[in-house]
C-alpha atoms as a PDB file:
ATOM      1  CA  MET A   1     177.548-263.995  76.972  1.00  0.00           C
ATOM      2  CA  SER A   2     178.576-260.535  77.937  1.00  0.00           C
ATOM      3  CA  SER A   3     180.158-260.099  81.209  1.00  0.00           C
ATOM      4  CA  THR A   4     176.902-258.110  82.755  1.00  0.00           C
ATOM      5  CA  SER A   5     174.933-261.482  81.529  1.00  0.00           C
ATOM      6  CA  LYS A   6     177.134-262.816  84.210  1.00  0.00           C
ATOM      7  CA  ARG A   7     177.143-260.864  87.122  1.00  0.00           C
ATOM      8  CA  TYR A   8     173.990-260.385  87.369  1.00  0.00           C
ATOM      9  CA  SER A   9     171.445-263.262  87.613  1.00  0.00           C
ATOM     10  CA  PRO A  10     168.063-262.847  85.433  1.00  0.00           C
ATOM     11  CA  GLU A  11     166.223-262.386  88.427  1.00  0.00           C
ATOM     12  CA  PHE A  12     168.037-259.542  89.203  1.00  0.00           C
ATOM     13  CA  ARG A  13     167.522-258.088  85.541  1.00  0.00           C
ATOM     14  CA  GLU A  14     164.139-258.633  85.449  1.00  0.00           C
ATOM     15  CA  ARG A  15     163.976-256.728  88.987  1.00  0.00           C
ATOM     16  CA  ALA A  16     165.418-254.025  88.223  1.00  0.00           C
ATOM     17  CA  VAL A  17     163.492-253.674  84.886  1.00  0.00           C
ATOM     18  CA  ARG A  18     159.917-253.818  86.763  1.00  0.00           C
ATOM     19  CA  LEU A  19     161.542-251.111  88.984  1.00  0.00           C
ATOM     20  CA  VAL A  20     161.631-249.038  86.056  1.00  0.00           C
ATOM     21  CA  PHE A  21     158.589-249.709  84.695  1.00  0.00           C
ATOM     22  CA  GLU A  22     156.684-249.401  87.977  1.00  0.00           C
ATOM     23  CA  HIS A  23     158.426-246.206  88.652  1.00  0.00           C
ATOM     24  CA  GLN A  24     158.526-244.292  85.446  1.00  0.00           C
ATOM     25  CA  HIS A  25     155.894-242.360  85.575  1.00  0.00           C
ATOM     26  CA  GLU A  26     157.255-240.744  88.985  1.00  0.00           C
ATOM     27  CA  HIS A  27     159.802-239.022  86.646  1.00  0.00           C
ATOM     28  CA  GLU A  28     159.835-236.915  83.908  1.00  0.00           C
ATOM     29  CA  SER A  29     160.947-239.743  81.411  1.00  0.00           C
ATOM     30  CA  GLN A  30     162.441-243.180  81.135  1.00  0.00           C
ATOM     31  CA  TRP A  31     165.619-242.660  80.994  1.00  0.00           C
ATOM     32  CA  ALA A  32     165.325-240.316  84.643  1.00  0.00           C
ATOM     33  CA  ALA A  33     163.723-243.576  86.180  1.00  0.00           C
ATOM     34  CA  ILE A  34     166.536-245.351  84.638  1.00  0.00           C
ATOM     35  CA  VAL A  35     168.758-243.700  86.234  1.00  0.00           C
ATOM     36  CA  SER A  36     167.509-243.386  89.716  1.00  0.00           C
ATOM     37  CA  VAL A  37     167.024-247.356  89.742  1.00  0.00           C
ATOM     38  CA  ALA A  38     170.325-247.975  88.456  1.00  0.00           C
ATOM     39  CA  ALA A  39     171.576-246.017  91.491  1.00  0.00           C
ATOM     40  CA  LYS A  40     169.355-247.701  94.023  1.00  0.00           C
ATOM     41  CA  ILE A  41     170.362-251.007  92.520  1.00  0.00           C
ATOM     42  CA  GLY A  42     173.798-250.515  91.677  1.00  0.00           C
ATOM     43  CA  CYS A  43     174.224-250.763  88.260  1.00  0.00           C
ATOM     44  CA  THR A  44     174.909-248.464  85.588  1.00  0.00           C
ATOM     45  CA  SER A  45     172.345-246.678  83.557  1.00  0.00           C
ATOM     46  CA  GLU A  46     173.273-247.927  80.478  1.00  0.00           C
ATOM     47  CA  THR A  47     173.598-251.463  80.967  1.00  0.00           C
ATOM     48  CA  LEU A  48     169.843-250.680  83.270  1.00  0.00           C
ATOM     49  CA  ARG A  49     168.770-249.022  79.352  1.00  0.00           C
ATOM     50  CA  SER A  50     169.931-251.835  77.422  1.00  0.00           C
ATOM     51  CA  TRP A  51     167.947-254.387  79.760  1.00  0.00           C
ATOM     52  CA  VAL A  52     164.836-252.427  79.412  1.00  0.00           C
ATOM     53  CA  ARG A  53     165.001-252.228  75.455  1.00  0.00           C
ATOM     54  CA  ARG A  54     165.476-256.055  75.388  1.00  0.00           C
ATOM     55  CA  ALA A  55     162.320-256.557  77.539  1.00  0.00           C
ATOM     56  CA  GLU A  56     160.374-253.620  75.663  1.00  0.00           C
ATOM     57  CA  VAL A  57     161.082-256.045  72.386  1.00  0.00           C
ATOM     58  CA  ASP A  58     160.697-259.175  74.002  1.00  0.00           C
ATOM     59  CA  GLU A  59     157.426-257.975  75.103  1.00  0.00           C
ATOM     60  CA  GLY A  60     156.522-256.174  71.948  1.00  0.00           C
ATOM     61  CA  ARG A  61     156.406-252.645  73.015  1.00  0.00           C
ATOM     62  CA  ARG A  62     159.208-251.793  70.618  1.00  0.00           C
ATOM     63  CA  ASP A  63     159.935-253.395  67.194  1.00  0.00           C
ATOM     64  CA  GLY A  64     163.181-255.391  66.891  1.00  0.00           C
ATOM     65  CA  VAL A  65     164.187-259.017  67.208  1.00  0.00           C
ATOM     66  CA  SER A  66     162.680-260.619  70.235  1.00  0.00           C
ATOM     67  CA  SER A  67     164.943-263.250  72.497  1.00  0.00           C
ATOM     68  CA  ASP A  68     163.851-266.065  71.500  1.00  0.00           C
ATOM     69  CA  GLN A  69     163.959-264.966  67.496  1.00  0.00           C
ATOM     70  CA  ARG A  70     167.909-263.971  68.006  1.00  0.00           C
ATOM     71  CA  LEU A  71     168.658-267.580  70.127  1.00  0.00           C
ATOM     72  CA  ARG A  72     167.109-269.254  67.053  1.00  0.00           C
ATOM     73  CA  LEU A  73     168.907-266.883  64.449  1.00  0.00           C
ATOM     74  CA  LYS A  74     172.231-267.926  66.214  1.00  0.00           C
ATOM     75  CA  GLU A  75     170.983-271.794  66.361  1.00  0.00           C
ATOM     76  CA  LEU A  76     170.202-271.402  62.320  1.00  0.00           C
ATOM     77  CA  GLU A  77     173.419-270.013  61.579  1.00  0.00           C
ATOM     78  CA  ARG A  78     175.862-272.479  63.624  1.00  0.00           C
ATOM     79  CA  GLU A  79     173.718-274.973  61.715  1.00  0.00           C
ATOM     80  CA  ASN A  80     174.654-273.491  58.214  1.00  0.00           C
ATOM     81  CA  ARG A  81     178.179-273.489  59.542  1.00  0.00           C
ATOM     82  CA  GLU A  82     178.616-276.695  60.153  1.00  0.00           C
ATOM     83  CA  LEU A  83     176.363-278.158  57.418  1.00  0.00           C
ATOM     84  CA  ARG A  84     178.564-275.704  54.658  1.00  0.00           C
ATOM     85  CA  ARG A  85     181.608-277.163  56.375  1.00  0.00           C
ATOM     86  CA  ALA A  86     180.193-280.601  55.676  1.00  0.00           C
ATOM     87  CA  ASN A  87     179.357-280.619  52.390  1.00  0.00           C
ATOM     88  CA  GLU A  88     182.755-278.721  51.778  1.00  0.00           C
ATOM     89  CA  ILE A  89     184.240-282.385  52.934  1.00  0.00           C
ATOM     90  CA  LEU A  90     181.756-284.257  50.605  1.00  0.00           C
ATOM     91  CA  LYS A  91     183.171-282.470  47.547  1.00  0.00           C
ATOM     92  CA  SER A  92     186.773-283.050  48.552  1.00  0.00           C
ATOM     93  CA  ALA A  93     186.051-286.319  49.286  1.00  0.00           C
ATOM     94  CA  SER A  94     183.860-286.901  46.003  1.00  0.00           C
ATOM     95  CA  LEU A  95     186.645-285.580  43.657  1.00  0.00           C
ATOM     96  CA  PHE A  96     189.435-287.753  45.742  1.00  0.00           C
ATOM     97  CA  PHE A  97     187.463-290.718  45.134  1.00  0.00           C
ATOM     98  CA  ALA A  98     186.219-289.689  41.225  1.00  0.00           C
ATOM     99  CA  THR A  99     190.240-288.877  41.055  1.00  0.00           C
ATOM    100  CA  GLU A 100     190.900-292.615  42.281  1.00  0.00           C
ATOM    101  CA  LEU A 101     188.879-294.027  40.023  1.00  0.00           C
ATOM    102  CA  ASP A 102     189.693-292.192  37.147  1.00  0.00           C
ATOM    103  CA  GLY A 103     192.764-293.222  37.801  1.00  0.00           C
ATOM    104  CA  ARG A 104     192.738-297.117  37.842  1.00  0.00           C
ATOM    105  CA  THR A 105     190.220-296.797  34.506  1.00  0.00           C
ATOM    106  CA  ARG A 106     193.599-295.499  32.490  1.00  0.00           C
ATOM    107  CA  ARG A 107     195.461-298.847  33.752  1.00  0.00           C
END
């Protein structure tokens, strides 16, 4: 989790993004609206810009991987790592037991 995720509540981020969407028509560009809102709410323009971009992707306004898809992908990657580790352990164990059994048959 990034430091900005810890510093600002989800409600604060949602409100800030909503303010940009509601007031961007009053500015010459979305970036100008972001700069204006960021100055008023006390966060950096770049932080607010990243929240706006994430919201646009999540709402389907912009191409990209949504937050839900990103979370699911992260879970699948973690599960994949765990399964690979378990597979390596099972391979090692089967090699060990195969060697043990092979040793007994020769005696």
